[in-house]
Amino acid sequence: MASDVKPRVKVPKSAAAGEIVTLKTLISHPMESGQRKGGDGNLVPRSIINRFVCDYNGANVIDVKMEPAISTNPYFEFDVKIETAGEFAFTWYDDDGSVYEEKKSISLS
């Protein structure tokens, strides 16, 4: 498991029905590609967040597959049309099997 992995998300507290809102996510992760050599001359094992998923009230909003060329601390920003109040579920999947989750609710204004 990568150390000091911390997911962060920004979701507005409320929105009008039909409004398009911008969501922002960032996860602190070193994202080791597996192609770099360490001080001992051996390859450092690959360790990346390989998938990011966001669901809204159980329906998929975005599903991203990531490859080793992704940068450290991957950041995603995307828009979602809000029709009802509900909950966003954000999930990041690590190569080592770790799963990081964050949930945020949004209400109608």
PDB file of N, CA and C in Angstrom:
ATOM      1  N   MET A   1       0.843  -1.184   0.000  1.00  0.00           N
ATOM      2  CA  MET A   1       0.000   0.000   0.000  1.00  0.00           C
ATOM      3  C   MET A   1       0.879   1.235   0.000  1.00  0.00           C
ATOM      4  N   ALA A   2       0.585   2.154  -0.871  1.00  0.00           N
ATOM      5  CA  ALA A   2       1.312   3.423  -0.910  1.00  0.00           C
ATOM      6  C   ALA A   2       1.025   4.188   0.387  1.00  0.00           C
ATOM      7  N   SER A   3       2.007   4.895   0.885  1.00  0.00           N
ATOM      8  CA  SER A   3       1.806   5.627   2.135  1.00  0.00           C
ATOM      9  C   SER A   3       1.301   7.040   1.871  1.00  0.00           C
ATOM     10  N   ASP A   4       0.595   7.571   2.830  1.00  0.00           N
ATOM     11  CA  ASP A   4       0.077   8.943   2.788  1.00  0.00           C
ATOM     12  C   ASP A   4      -0.845   9.208   1.594  1.00  0.00           C
ATOM     13  N   VAL A   5      -1.641   8.213   1.196  1.00  0.00           N
ATOM     14  CA  VAL A   5      -2.607   8.397   0.111  1.00  0.00           C
ATOM     15  C   VAL A   5      -3.830   9.082   0.707  1.00  0.00           C
ATOM     16  N   LYS A   6      -4.201  10.213   0.096  1.00  0.00           N
ATOM     17  CA  LYS A   6      -5.329  10.971   0.627  1.00  0.00           C
ATOM     18  C   LYS A   6      -6.184  11.496  -0.523  1.00  0.00           C
ATOM     19  N   PRO A   7      -7.426  10.994  -0.627  1.00  0.00           N
ATOM     20  CA  PRO A   7      -8.318  11.535  -1.657  1.00  0.00           C
ATOM     21  C   PRO A   7      -8.981  12.825  -1.179  1.00  0.00           C
ATOM     22  N   ARG A   8      -9.166  13.748  -2.101  1.00  0.00           N
ATOM     23  CA  ARG A   8      -9.868  15.002  -1.803  1.00  0.00           C
ATOM     24  C   ARG A   8     -10.848  15.298  -2.923  1.00  0.00           C
ATOM     25  N   VAL A   9     -12.037  15.765  -2.558  1.00  0.00           N
ATOM     26  CA  VAL A   9     -13.048  16.093  -3.557  1.00  0.00           C
ATOM     27  C   VAL A   9     -13.711  17.416  -3.200  1.00  0.00           C
ATOM     28  N   LYS A  10     -14.131  18.143  -4.234  1.00  0.00           N
ATOM     29  CA  LYS A  10     -14.892  19.381  -4.064  1.00  0.00           C
ATOM     30  C   LYS A  10     -16.206  19.221  -4.807  1.00  0.00           C
ATOM     31  N   VAL A  11     -17.300  19.277  -4.047  1.00  0.00           N
ATOM     32  CA  VAL A  11     -18.649  19.183  -4.592  1.00  0.00           C
ATOM     33  C   VAL A  11     -19.433  20.338  -3.990  1.00  0.00           C
ATOM     34  N   PRO A  12     -20.171  21.107  -4.795  1.00  0.00           N
ATOM     35  CA  PRO A  12     -20.994  22.175  -4.219  1.00  0.00           C
ATOM     36  C   PRO A  12     -21.995  21.590  -3.218  1.00  0.00           C
ATOM     37  N   LYS A  13     -22.326  22.346  -2.183  1.00  0.00           N
ATOM     38  CA  LYS A  13     -23.286  21.869  -1.180  1.00  0.00           C
ATOM     39  C   LYS A  13     -24.690  21.767  -1.763  1.00  0.00           C
ATOM     40  N   SER A  14     -25.014  22.651  -2.723  1.00  0.00           N
ATOM     41  CA  SER A  14     -26.350  22.613  -3.324  1.00  0.00           C
ATOM     42  C   SER A  14     -26.287  23.111  -4.761  1.00  0.00           C
ATOM     43  N   ALA A  15     -27.367  22.788  -5.496  1.00  0.00           N
ATOM     44  CA  ALA A  15     -27.500  23.219  -6.890  1.00  0.00           C
ATOM     45  C   ALA A  15     -28.979  23.237  -7.235  1.00  0.00           C
ATOM     46  N   ALA A  16     -29.332  24.025  -8.219  1.00  0.00           N
ATOM     47  CA  ALA A  16     -30.720  24.052  -8.711  1.00  0.00           C
ATOM     48  C   ALA A  16     -30.939  22.841  -9.608  1.00  0.00           C
ATOM     49  N   ALA A  17     -32.169  22.345  -9.649  1.00  0.00           N
ATOM     50  CA  ALA A  17     -32.492  21.223 -10.525  1.00  0.00           C
ATOM     51  C   ALA A  17     -32.168  21.609 -11.968  1.00  0.00           C
ATOM     52  N   GLY A  18     -31.447  20.755 -12.671  1.00  0.00           N
ATOM     53  CA  GLY A  18     -31.045  21.026 -14.046  1.00  0.00           C
ATOM     54  C   GLY A  18     -29.734  21.772 -14.178  1.00  0.00           C
ATOM     55  N   GLU A  19     -29.168  22.229 -13.073  1.00  0.00           N
ATOM     56  CA  GLU A  19     -27.900  22.969 -13.100  1.00  0.00           C
ATOM     57  C   GLU A  19     -26.728  22.026 -13.375  1.00  0.00           C
ATOM     58  N   ILE A  20     -25.747  22.528 -14.103  1.00  0.00           N
ATOM     59  CA  ILE A  20     -24.520  21.777 -14.341  1.00  0.00           C
ATOM     60  C   ILE A  20     -23.474  22.297 -13.359  1.00  0.00           C
ATOM     61  N   VAL A  21     -22.922  21.380 -12.565  1.00  0.00           N
ATOM     62  CA  VAL A  21     -21.915  21.752 -11.570  1.00  0.00           C
ATOM     63  C   VAL A  21     -20.581  21.110 -11.926  1.00  0.00           C
ATOM     64  N   THR A  22     -19.509  21.722 -11.454  1.00  0.00           N
ATOM     65  CA  THR A  22     -18.167  21.213 -11.682  1.00  0.00           C
ATOM     66  C   THR A  22     -17.682  20.510 -10.418  1.00  0.00           C
ATOM     67  N   LEU A  23     -17.213  19.283 -10.588  1.00  0.00           N
ATOM     68  CA  LEU A  23     -16.634  18.511  -9.492  1.00  0.00           C
ATOM     69  C   LEU A  23     -15.126  18.460  -9.690  1.00  0.00           C
ATOM     70  N   LYS A  24     -14.404  18.484  -8.586  1.00  0.00           N
ATOM     71  CA  LYS A  24     -12.943  18.429  -8.645  1.00  0.00           C
ATOM     72  C   LYS A  24     -12.456  17.347  -7.700  1.00  0.00           C
ATOM     73  N   THR A  25     -11.522  16.520  -8.181  1.00  0.00           N
ATOM     74  CA  THR A  25     -10.952  15.467  -7.344  1.00  0.00           C
ATOM     75  C   THR A  25      -9.437  15.459  -7.483  1.00  0.00           C
ATOM     76  N   LEU A  26      -8.791  15.109  -6.384  1.00  0.00           N
ATOM     77  CA  LEU A  26      -7.336  14.969  -6.372  1.00  0.00           C
ATOM     78  C   LEU A  26      -7.022  13.870  -5.373  1.00  0.00           C
ATOM     79  N   ILE A  27      -6.104  13.006  -5.720  1.00  0.00           N
ATOM     80  CA  ILE A  27      -5.657  12.003  -4.764  1.00  0.00           C
ATOM     81  C   ILE A  27      -4.136  12.092  -4.663  1.00  0.00           C
ATOM     82  N   SER A  28      -3.653  12.220  -3.443  1.00  0.00           N
ATOM     83  CA  SER A  28      -2.206  12.273  -3.203  1.00  0.00           C
ATOM     84  C   SER A  28      -1.660  10.858  -3.314  1.00  0.00           C
ATOM     85  N   HIS A  29      -0.833  10.622  -4.309  1.00  0.00           N
ATOM     86  CA  HIS A  29      -0.266   9.289  -4.548  1.00  0.00           C
ATOM     87  C   HIS A  29       0.998   9.459  -5.371  1.00  0.00           C
ATOM     88  N   PRO A  30       2.082   8.744  -5.039  1.00  0.00           N
ATOM     89  CA  PRO A  30       3.350   8.930  -5.751  1.00  0.00           C
ATOM     90  C   PRO A  30       3.346   8.457  -7.203  1.00  0.00           C
ATOM     91  N   MET A  31       2.469   7.518  -7.578  1.00  0.00           N
ATOM     92  CA  MET A  31       2.332   7.046  -8.962  1.00  0.00           C
ATOM     93  C   MET A  31       3.674   6.603  -9.561  1.00  0.00           C
ATOM     94  N   GLU A  32       4.214   5.522  -9.058  1.00  0.00           N
ATOM     95  CA  GLU A  32       5.473   4.968  -9.564  1.00  0.00           C
ATOM     96  C   GLU A  32       5.198   4.130 -10.814  1.00  0.00           C
ATOM     97  N   SER A  33       5.808   4.470 -11.941  1.00  0.00           N
ATOM     98  CA  SER A  33       5.508   3.841 -13.232  1.00  0.00           C
ATOM     99  C   SER A  33       6.043   2.422 -13.394  1.00  0.00           C
ATOM    100  N   GLY A  34       7.022   2.038 -12.586  1.00  0.00           N
ATOM    101  CA  GLY A  34       7.646   0.724 -12.733  1.00  0.00           C
ATOM    102  C   GLY A  34       8.763   0.711 -13.765  1.00  0.00           C
ATOM    103  N   GLN A  35       9.107   1.872 -14.287  1.00  0.00           N
ATOM    104  CA  GLN A  35      10.141   1.959 -15.315  1.00  0.00           C
ATOM    105  C   GLN A  35      11.410   2.654 -14.815  1.00  0.00           C
ATOM    106  N   ARG A  36      11.386   3.117 -13.574  1.00  0.00           N
ATOM    107  CA  ARG A  36      12.511   3.850 -13.010  1.00  0.00           C
ATOM    108  C   ARG A  36      13.351   2.910 -12.153  1.00  0.00           C
ATOM    109  N   LYS A  37      14.658   3.119 -12.158  1.00  0.00           N
ATOM    110  CA  LYS A  37      15.548   2.320 -11.321  1.00  0.00           C
ATOM    111  C   LYS A  37      15.806   3.040 -10.001  1.00  0.00           C
ATOM    112  N   GLY A  38      15.854   2.274  -8.932  1.00  0.00           N
ATOM    113  CA  GLY A  38      16.157   2.815  -7.623  1.00  0.00           C
ATOM    114  C   GLY A  38      17.660   2.936  -7.415  1.00  0.00           C
ATOM    115  N   GLY A  39      18.056   3.350  -6.239  1.00  0.00           N
ATOM    116  CA  GLY A  39      19.473   3.526  -5.912  1.00  0.00           C
ATOM    117  C   GLY A  39      20.273   2.237  -6.014  1.00  0.00           C
ATOM    118  N   ASP A  40      19.607   1.092  -5.867  1.00  0.00           N
ATOM    119  CA  ASP A  40      20.289  -0.200  -5.951  1.00  0.00           C
ATOM    120  C   ASP A  40      20.408  -0.720  -7.387  1.00  0.00           C
ATOM    121  N   GLY A  41      19.874   0.044  -8.351  1.00  0.00           N
ATOM    122  CA  GLY A  41      19.953  -0.348  -9.755  1.00  0.00           C
ATOM    123  C   GLY A  41      18.804  -1.220 -10.225  1.00  0.00           C
ATOM    124  N   ASN A  42      17.941  -1.634  -9.307  1.00  0.00           N
ATOM    125  CA  ASN A  42      16.789  -2.459  -9.674  1.00  0.00           C
ATOM    126  C   ASN A  42      15.573  -1.578  -9.964  1.00  0.00           C
ATOM    127  N   LEU A  43      14.675  -2.097 -10.796  1.00  0.00           N
ATOM    128  CA  LEU A  43      13.453  -1.359 -11.100  1.00  0.00           C
ATOM    129  C   LEU A  43      12.600  -1.195  -9.849  1.00  0.00           C
ATOM    130  N   VAL A  44      12.079   0.006  -9.671  1.00  0.00           N
ATOM    131  CA  VAL A  44      11.137   0.268  -8.578  1.00  0.00           C
ATOM    132  C   VAL A  44       9.794  -0.290  -9.035  1.00  0.00           C
ATOM    133  N   PRO A  45       9.137  -1.117  -8.227  1.00  0.00           N
ATOM    134  CA  PRO A  45       7.872  -1.732  -8.659  1.00  0.00           C
ATOM    135  C   PRO A  45       6.798  -0.697  -9.000  1.00  0.00           C
ATOM    136  N   ARG A  46       6.017  -1.029 -10.023  1.00  0.00           N
ATOM    137  CA  ARG A  46       4.906  -0.163 -10.431  1.00  0.00           C
ATOM    138  C   ARG A  46       3.905  -0.056  -9.283  1.00  0.00           C
ATOM    139  N   SER A  47       3.440   1.155  -9.041  1.00  0.00           N
ATOM    140  CA  SER A  47       2.411   1.413  -8.038  1.00  0.00           C
ATOM    141  C   SER A  47       1.657   2.666  -8.467  1.00  0.00           C
ATOM    142  N   ILE A  48       0.522   2.450  -9.150  1.00  0.00           N
ATOM    143  CA  ILE A  48      -0.269   3.587  -9.612  1.00  0.00           C
ATOM    144  C   ILE A  48      -1.733   3.395  -9.228  1.00  0.00           C
ATOM    145  N   ILE A  49      -2.455   4.496  -9.197  1.00  0.00           N
ATOM    146  CA  ILE A  49      -3.904   4.444  -9.159  1.00  0.00           C
ATOM    147  C   ILE A  49      -4.291   4.091 -10.594  1.00  0.00           C
ATOM    148  N   ASN A  50      -4.898   2.922 -10.795  1.00  0.00           N
ATOM    149  CA  ASN A  50      -5.150   2.471 -12.163  1.00  0.00           C
ATOM    150  C   ASN A  50      -6.578   2.711 -12.643  1.00  0.00           C
ATOM    151  N   ARG A  51      -7.462   3.147 -11.736  1.00  0.00           N
ATOM    152  CA  ARG A  51      -8.844   3.406 -12.146  1.00  0.00           C
ATOM    153  C   ARG A  51      -9.486   4.397 -11.174  1.00  0.00           C
ATOM    154  N   PHE A  52     -10.298   5.290 -11.738  1.00  0.00           N
ATOM    155  CA  PHE A  52     -11.074   6.249 -10.945  1.00  0.00           C
ATOM    156  C   PHE A  52     -12.516   6.184 -11.420  1.00  0.00           C
ATOM    157  N   VAL A  53     -13.447   6.090 -10.475  1.00  0.00           N
ATOM    158  CA  VAL A  53     -14.869   5.995 -10.790  1.00  0.00           C
ATOM    159  C   VAL A  53     -15.636   6.993  -9.925  1.00  0.00           C
ATOM    160  N   CYS A  54     -16.641   7.641 -10.539  1.00  0.00           N
ATOM    161  CA  CYS A  54     -17.561   8.498  -9.789  1.00  0.00           C
ATOM    162  C   CYS A  54     -18.982   8.079 -10.147  1.00  0.00           C
ATOM    163  N   ASP A  55     -19.768   7.794  -9.110  1.00  0.00           N
ATOM    164  CA  ASP A  55     -21.182   7.457  -9.274  1.00  0.00           C
ATOM    165  C   ASP A  55     -22.027   8.507  -8.566  1.00  0.00           C
ATOM    166  N   TYR A  56     -23.223   8.745  -9.100  1.00  0.00           N
ATOM    167  CA  TYR A  56     -24.160   9.690  -8.494  1.00  0.00           C
ATOM    168  C   TYR A  56     -25.487   8.975  -8.293  1.00  0.00           C
ATOM    169  N   ASN A  57     -25.876   8.813  -7.045  1.00  0.00           N
ATOM    170  CA  ASN A  57     -27.085   8.057  -6.698  1.00  0.00           C
ATOM    171  C   ASN A  57     -27.077   6.681  -7.359  1.00  0.00           C
ATOM    172  N   GLY A  58     -25.923   6.049  -7.391  1.00  0.00           N
ATOM    173  CA  GLY A  58     -25.786   4.711  -7.938  1.00  0.00           C
ATOM    174  C   GLY A  58     -25.570   4.622  -9.439  1.00  0.00           C
ATOM    175  N   ALA A  59     -25.694   5.733 -10.157  1.00  0.00           N
ATOM    176  CA  ALA A  59     -25.488   5.743 -11.604  1.00  0.00           C
ATOM    177  C   ALA A  59     -24.081   6.244 -11.921  1.00  0.00           C
ATOM    178  N   ASN A  60     -23.404   5.573 -12.843  1.00  0.00           N
ATOM    179  CA  ASN A  60     -22.044   5.958 -13.191  1.00  0.00           C
ATOM    180  C   ASN A  60     -22.006   7.306 -13.897  1.00  0.00           C
ATOM    181  N   VAL A  61     -21.089   8.173 -13.449  1.00  0.00           N
ATOM    182  CA  VAL A  61     -20.876   9.488 -14.049  1.00  0.00           C
ATOM    183  C   VAL A  61     -19.606   9.474 -14.892  1.00  0.00           C
ATOM    184  N   ILE A  62     -18.551   8.882 -14.344  1.00  0.00           N
ATOM    185  CA  ILE A  62     -17.263   8.831 -15.049  1.00  0.00           C
ATOM    186  C   ILE A  62     -16.513   7.588 -14.579  1.00  0.00           C
ATOM    187  N   ASP A  63     -15.782   6.977 -15.508  1.00  0.00           N
ATOM    188  CA  ASP A  63     -14.985   5.787 -15.213  1.00  0.00           C
ATOM    189  C   ASP A  63     -13.710   5.912 -16.042  1.00  0.00           C
ATOM    190  N   VAL A  64     -12.576   6.121 -15.373  1.00  0.00           N
ATOM    191  CA  VAL A  64     -11.312   6.411 -16.057  1.00  0.00           C
ATOM    192  C   VAL A  64     -10.293   5.319 -15.760  1.00  0.00           C
ATOM    193  N   LYS A  65      -9.706   4.763 -16.813  1.00  0.00           N
ATOM    194  CA  LYS A  65      -8.602   3.814 -16.667  1.00  0.00           C
ATOM    195  C   LYS A  65      -7.308   4.596 -16.825  1.00  0.00           C
ATOM    196  N   MET A  66      -6.391   4.421 -15.872  1.00  0.00           N
ATOM    197  CA  MET A  66      -5.132   5.156 -15.914  1.00  0.00           C
ATOM    198  C   MET A  66      -3.970   4.217 -16.207  1.00  0.00           C
ATOM    199  N   GLU A  67      -2.986   4.728 -16.899  1.00  0.00           N
ATOM    200  CA  GLU A  67      -1.797   3.976 -17.288  1.00  0.00           C
ATOM    201  C   GLU A  67      -0.577   4.585 -16.598  1.00  0.00           C
ATOM    202  N   PRO A  68       0.593   3.914 -16.650  1.00  0.00           N
ATOM    203  CA  PRO A  68       1.774   4.387 -15.932  1.00  0.00           C
ATOM    204  C   PRO A  68       2.230   5.806 -16.264  1.00  0.00           C
ATOM    205  N   ALA A  69       1.868   6.354 -17.408  1.00  0.00           N
ATOM    206  CA  ALA A  69       2.327   7.699 -17.778  1.00  0.00           C
ATOM    207  C   ALA A  69       1.560   8.805 -17.045  1.00  0.00           C
ATOM    208  N   ILE A  70       0.570   8.470 -16.241  1.00  0.00           N
ATOM    209  CA  ILE A  70      -0.201   9.478 -15.506  1.00  0.00           C
ATOM    210  C   ILE A  70       0.708  10.151 -14.473  1.00  0.00           C
ATOM    211  N   SER A  71       0.437  11.405 -14.196  1.00  0.00           N
ATOM    212  CA  SER A  71       1.293  12.157 -13.272  1.00  0.00           C
ATOM    213  C   SER A  71       1.026  11.785 -11.814  1.00  0.00           C
ATOM    214  N   THR A  72       1.957  12.177 -10.985  1.00  0.00           N
ATOM    215  CA  THR A  72       1.786  12.049  -9.543  1.00  0.00           C
ATOM    216  C   THR A  72       0.575  12.871  -9.119  1.00  0.00           C
ATOM    217  N   ASN A  73      -0.144  12.407  -8.107  1.00  0.00           N
ATOM    218  CA  ASN A  73      -1.307  13.114  -7.558  1.00  0.00           C
ATOM    219  C   ASN A  73      -2.348  13.445  -8.640  1.00  0.00           C
ATOM    220  N   PRO A  74      -2.946  12.421  -9.250  1.00  0.00           N
ATOM    221  CA  PRO A  74      -3.891  12.667 -10.347  1.00  0.00           C
ATOM    222  C   PRO A  74      -5.073  13.548  -9.936  1.00  0.00           C
ATOM    223  N   TYR A  75      -5.375  14.511 -10.799  1.00  0.00           N
ATOM    224  CA  TYR A  75      -6.440  15.497 -10.591  1.00  0.00           C
ATOM    225  C   TYR A  75      -7.442  15.362 -11.732  1.00  0.00           C
ATOM    226  N   PHE A  76      -8.709  15.310 -11.386  1.00  0.00           N
ATOM    227  CA  PHE A  76      -9.769  15.284 -12.389  1.00  0.00           C
ATOM    228  C   PHE A  76     -10.777  16.372 -12.083  1.00  0.00           C
ATOM    229  N   GLU A  77     -11.236  17.026 -13.132  1.00  0.00           N
ATOM    230  CA  GLU A  77     -12.289  18.034 -13.031  1.00  0.00           C
ATOM    231  C   GLU A  77     -13.294  17.720 -14.131  1.00  0.00           C
ATOM    232  N   PHE A  78     -14.571  17.620 -13.747  1.00  0.00           N
ATOM    233  CA  PHE A  78     -15.594  17.274 -14.730  1.00  0.00           C
ATOM    234  C   PHE A  78     -16.935  17.855 -14.291  1.00  0.00           C
ATOM    235  N   ASP A  79     -17.854  17.973 -15.257  1.00  0.00           N
ATOM    236  CA  ASP A  79     -19.167  18.565 -15.022  1.00  0.00           C
ATOM    237  C   ASP A  79     -20.240  17.486 -14.942  1.00  0.00           C
ATOM    238  N   VAL A  80     -21.237  17.758 -14.083  1.00  0.00           N
ATOM    239  CA  VAL A  80     -22.365  16.845 -13.903  1.00  0.00           C
ATOM    240  C   VAL A  80     -23.645  17.668 -13.841  1.00  0.00           C
ATOM    241  N   LYS A  81     -24.675  17.207 -14.533  1.00  0.00           N
ATOM    242  CA  LYS A  81     -25.977  17.858 -14.479  1.00  0.00           C
ATOM    243  C   LYS A  81     -26.753  17.287 -13.293  1.00  0.00           C
ATOM    244  N   ILE A  82     -27.203  18.166 -12.407  1.00  0.00           N
ATOM    245  CA  ILE A  82     -27.904  17.764 -11.187  1.00  0.00           C
ATOM    246  C   ILE A  82     -29.409  17.825 -11.423  1.00  0.00           C
ATOM    247  N   GLU A  83     -30.084  16.697 -11.298  1.00  0.00           N
ATOM    248  CA  GLU A  83     -31.540  16.647 -11.448  1.00  0.00           C
ATOM    249  C   GLU A  83     -32.240  16.485 -10.102  1.00  0.00           C
ATOM    250  N   THR A  84     -31.601  15.760  -9.173  1.00  0.00           N
ATOM    251  CA  THR A  84     -32.173  15.514  -7.849  1.00  0.00           C
ATOM    252  C   THR A  84     -31.063  15.623  -6.804  1.00  0.00           C
ATOM    253  N   ALA A  85     -31.472  15.788  -5.552  1.00  0.00           N
ATOM    254  CA  ALA A  85     -30.503  15.755  -4.458  1.00  0.00           C
ATOM    255  C   ALA A  85     -29.944  14.339  -4.376  1.00  0.00           C
ATOM    256  N   GLY A  86     -28.744  14.201  -3.886  1.00  0.00           N
ATOM    257  CA  GLY A  86     -28.191  12.858  -3.788  1.00  0.00           C
ATOM    258  C   GLY A  86     -26.770  12.832  -3.288  1.00  0.00           C
ATOM    259  N   GLU A  87     -26.129  11.703  -3.551  1.00  0.00           N
ATOM    260  CA  GLU A  87     -24.782  11.484  -3.042  1.00  0.00           C
ATOM    261  C   GLU A  87     -23.855  11.024  -4.167  1.00  0.00           C
ATOM    262  N   PHE A  88     -22.678  11.641  -4.211  1.00  0.00           N
ATOM    263  CA  PHE A  88     -21.618  11.228  -5.112  1.00  0.00           C
ATOM    264  C   PHE A  88     -20.715  10.254  -4.362  1.00  0.00           C
ATOM    265  N   ALA A  89     -20.337   9.178  -5.034  1.00  0.00           N
ATOM    266  CA  ALA A  89     -19.380   8.221  -4.484  1.00  0.00           C
ATOM    267  C   ALA A  89     -18.165   8.210  -5.404  1.00  0.00           C
ATOM    268  N   PHE A  90     -17.020   8.556  -4.860  1.00  0.00           N
ATOM    269  CA  PHE A  90     -15.763   8.608  -5.612  1.00  0.00           C
ATOM    270  C   PHE A  90     -14.909   7.429  -5.168  1.00  0.00           C
ATOM    271  N   THR A  91     -14.344   6.686  -6.123  1.00  0.00           N
ATOM    272  CA  THR A  91     -13.545   5.509  -5.784  1.00  0.00           C
ATOM    273  C   THR A  91     -12.291   5.470  -6.646  1.00  0.00           C
ATOM    274  N   TRP A  92     -11.157   5.270  -5.994  1.00  0.00           N
ATOM    275  CA  TRP A  92      -9.869   5.129  -6.658  1.00  0.00           C
ATOM    276  C   TRP A  92      -9.344   3.726  -6.371  1.00  0.00           C
ATOM    277  N   TYR A  93      -8.823   3.047  -7.408  1.00  0.00           N
ATOM    278  CA  TYR A  93      -8.299   1.691  -7.273  1.00  0.00           C
ATOM    279  C   TYR A  93      -6.796   1.699  -7.484  1.00  0.00           C
ATOM    280  N   ASP A  94      -6.060   1.125  -6.537  1.00  0.00           N
ATOM    281  CA  ASP A  94      -4.603   1.091  -6.564  1.00  0.00           C
ATOM    282  C   ASP A  94      -4.125  -0.256  -7.095  1.00  0.00           C
ATOM    283  N   ASP A  95      -2.955  -0.280  -7.731  1.00  0.00           N
ATOM    284  CA  ASP A  95      -2.358  -1.529  -8.215  1.00  0.00           C
ATOM    285  C   ASP A  95      -2.227  -2.579  -7.117  1.00  0.00           C
ATOM    286  N   ASP A  96      -1.969  -2.149  -5.904  1.00  0.00           N
ATOM    287  CA  ASP A  96      -1.740  -3.110  -4.818  1.00  0.00           C
ATOM    288  C   ASP A  96      -3.039  -3.674  -4.231  1.00  0.00           C
ATOM    289  N   GLY A  97      -4.173  -3.327  -4.837  1.00  0.00           N
ATOM    290  CA  GLY A  97      -5.457  -3.829  -4.357  1.00  0.00           C
ATOM    291  C   GLY A  97      -6.176  -2.887  -3.407  1.00  0.00           C
ATOM    292  N   SER A  98      -5.509  -1.835  -2.985  1.00  0.00           N
ATOM    293  CA  SER A  98      -6.149  -0.862  -2.095  1.00  0.00           C
ATOM    294  C   SER A  98      -7.241  -0.105  -2.843  1.00  0.00           C
ATOM    295  N   VAL A  99      -8.299   0.235  -2.118  1.00  0.00           N
ATOM    296  CA  VAL A  99      -9.402   1.015  -2.670  1.00  0.00           C
ATOM    297  C   VAL A  99      -9.611   2.204  -1.752  1.00  0.00           C
ATOM    298  N   TYR A 100      -9.647   3.389  -2.326  1.00  0.00           N
ATOM    299  CA  TYR A 100      -9.844   4.622  -1.561  1.00  0.00           C
ATOM    300  C   TYR A 100     -11.182   5.211  -1.957  1.00  0.00           C
ATOM    301  N   GLU A 101     -11.990   5.560  -0.964  1.00  0.00           N
ATOM    302  CA  GLU A 101     -13.338   6.050  -1.244  1.00  0.00           C
ATOM    303  C   GLU A 101     -13.627   7.357  -0.512  1.00  0.00           C
ATOM    304  N   GLU A 102     -14.447   8.148  -1.131  1.00  0.00           N
ATOM    305  CA  GLU A 102     -14.898   9.416  -0.543  1.00  0.00           C
ATOM    306  C   GLU A 102     -16.340   9.616  -1.015  1.00  0.00           C
ATOM    307  N   LYS A 103     -17.180  10.144  -0.145  1.00  0.00           N
ATOM    308  CA  LYS A 103     -18.580  10.404  -0.500  1.00  0.00           C
ATOM    309  C   LYS A 103     -18.921  11.841  -0.145  1.00  0.00           C
ATOM    310  N   LYS A 104     -19.711  12.466  -1.011  1.00  0.00           N
ATOM    311  CA  LYS A 104     -20.173  13.845  -0.788  1.00  0.00           C
ATOM    312  C   LYS A 104     -21.607  13.960  -1.254  1.00  0.00           C
ATOM    313  N   SER A 105     -22.420  14.661  -0.463  1.00  0.00           N
ATOM    314  CA  SER A 105     -23.819  14.862  -0.807  1.00  0.00           C
ATOM    315  C   SER A 105     -24.027  16.244  -1.412  1.00  0.00           C
ATOM    316  N   ILE A 106     -25.103  16.354  -2.192  1.00  0.00           N
ATOM    317  CA  ILE A 106     -25.497  17.638  -2.763  1.00  0.00           C
ATOM    318  C   ILE A 106     -27.028  17.745  -2.617  1.00  0.00           C
ATOM    319  N   SER A 107     -27.500  18.929  -2.243  1.00  0.00           N
ATOM    320  CA  SER A 107     -28.933  19.132  -2.077  1.00  0.00           C
ATOM    321  C   SER A 107     -29.426  20.090  -3.174  1.00  0.00           C
ATOM    322  N   LEU A 108     -30.741  20.118  -3.335  1.00  0.00           N
ATOM    323  CA  LEU A 108     -31.332  21.044  -4.303  1.00  0.00           C
ATOM    324  C   LEU A 108     -31.577  22.384  -3.620  1.00  0.00           C
ATOM    325  N   SER A 109     -31.304  23.462  -4.328  1.00  0.00           N
ATOM    326  CA  SER A 109     -31.517  24.800  -3.758  1.00  0.00           C
ATOM    327  C   SER A 109     -32.732  25.458  -4.393  1.00  0.00           C
TER     328      SER A 109
END
